């Protein structure tokens, strides 16, 4: 997720920035529209951004000697849809690059594409698919949050493999190497993040039910039959 400053070749850095830019611009419009039409959602939007910032700033050692991070983008994607997270996730990455030296400005586009675009869309798709087959809210949240996390790292592995193909085995060999470093060691974190998402939505169900109903996450409770 956090590809370091200057790590990617210039052409790749520019290419991923161009790829991510339309999603971020569309996300900015989605955020403006959400705040204009539903000003009461501002607090929950801010909370989604703060949750993503705090969770993705946690740096944990992995078994391969590298490091792994939770992402925190899944809940926001479920609540507000992936376009909103394209903007919020990119803003999070920008502040982390400037304040925490996580990632970088030259790699912001690549990091945003994996973290703020692919992760939220995969997570939201998993959430919707799980609900569509009849599962309840919490199993769907677990699937969406966990897969948003995992998809981010798979995408980062692909980005690195494209930039640095293996001298002997080419792109496929490099992809296996980077998947081994990032994606496989990320599985326990993805499961943990999915469980954290379940706890978060249980709390929201009890404390912010009207907002969840407005967002279409919960079905409004019956108001009673007519006499």
Foldseek 3Di string as FASTA:
>chain_A
DADAPPPFDLVLLVVLLVVLVVLQVLLVVLVVVCCVVPVVCVVVLVVLLVQQLVQQVDWAQFPVRRIAGQGSNQVVCQQRNLSNQLNSSLVSSVCCCVPVSGHHDSNSSQLSCLRRNQLSVQLNVQLVVCVVVPDALLVSLLSSRLSSRLSSQLSVLLSVLVRDADPPPGSVVSSVVSCVVYRVRCNVVSNVRSVVSSVVVVVCCVPVVVSCCVSVSDPDDDPDDDD
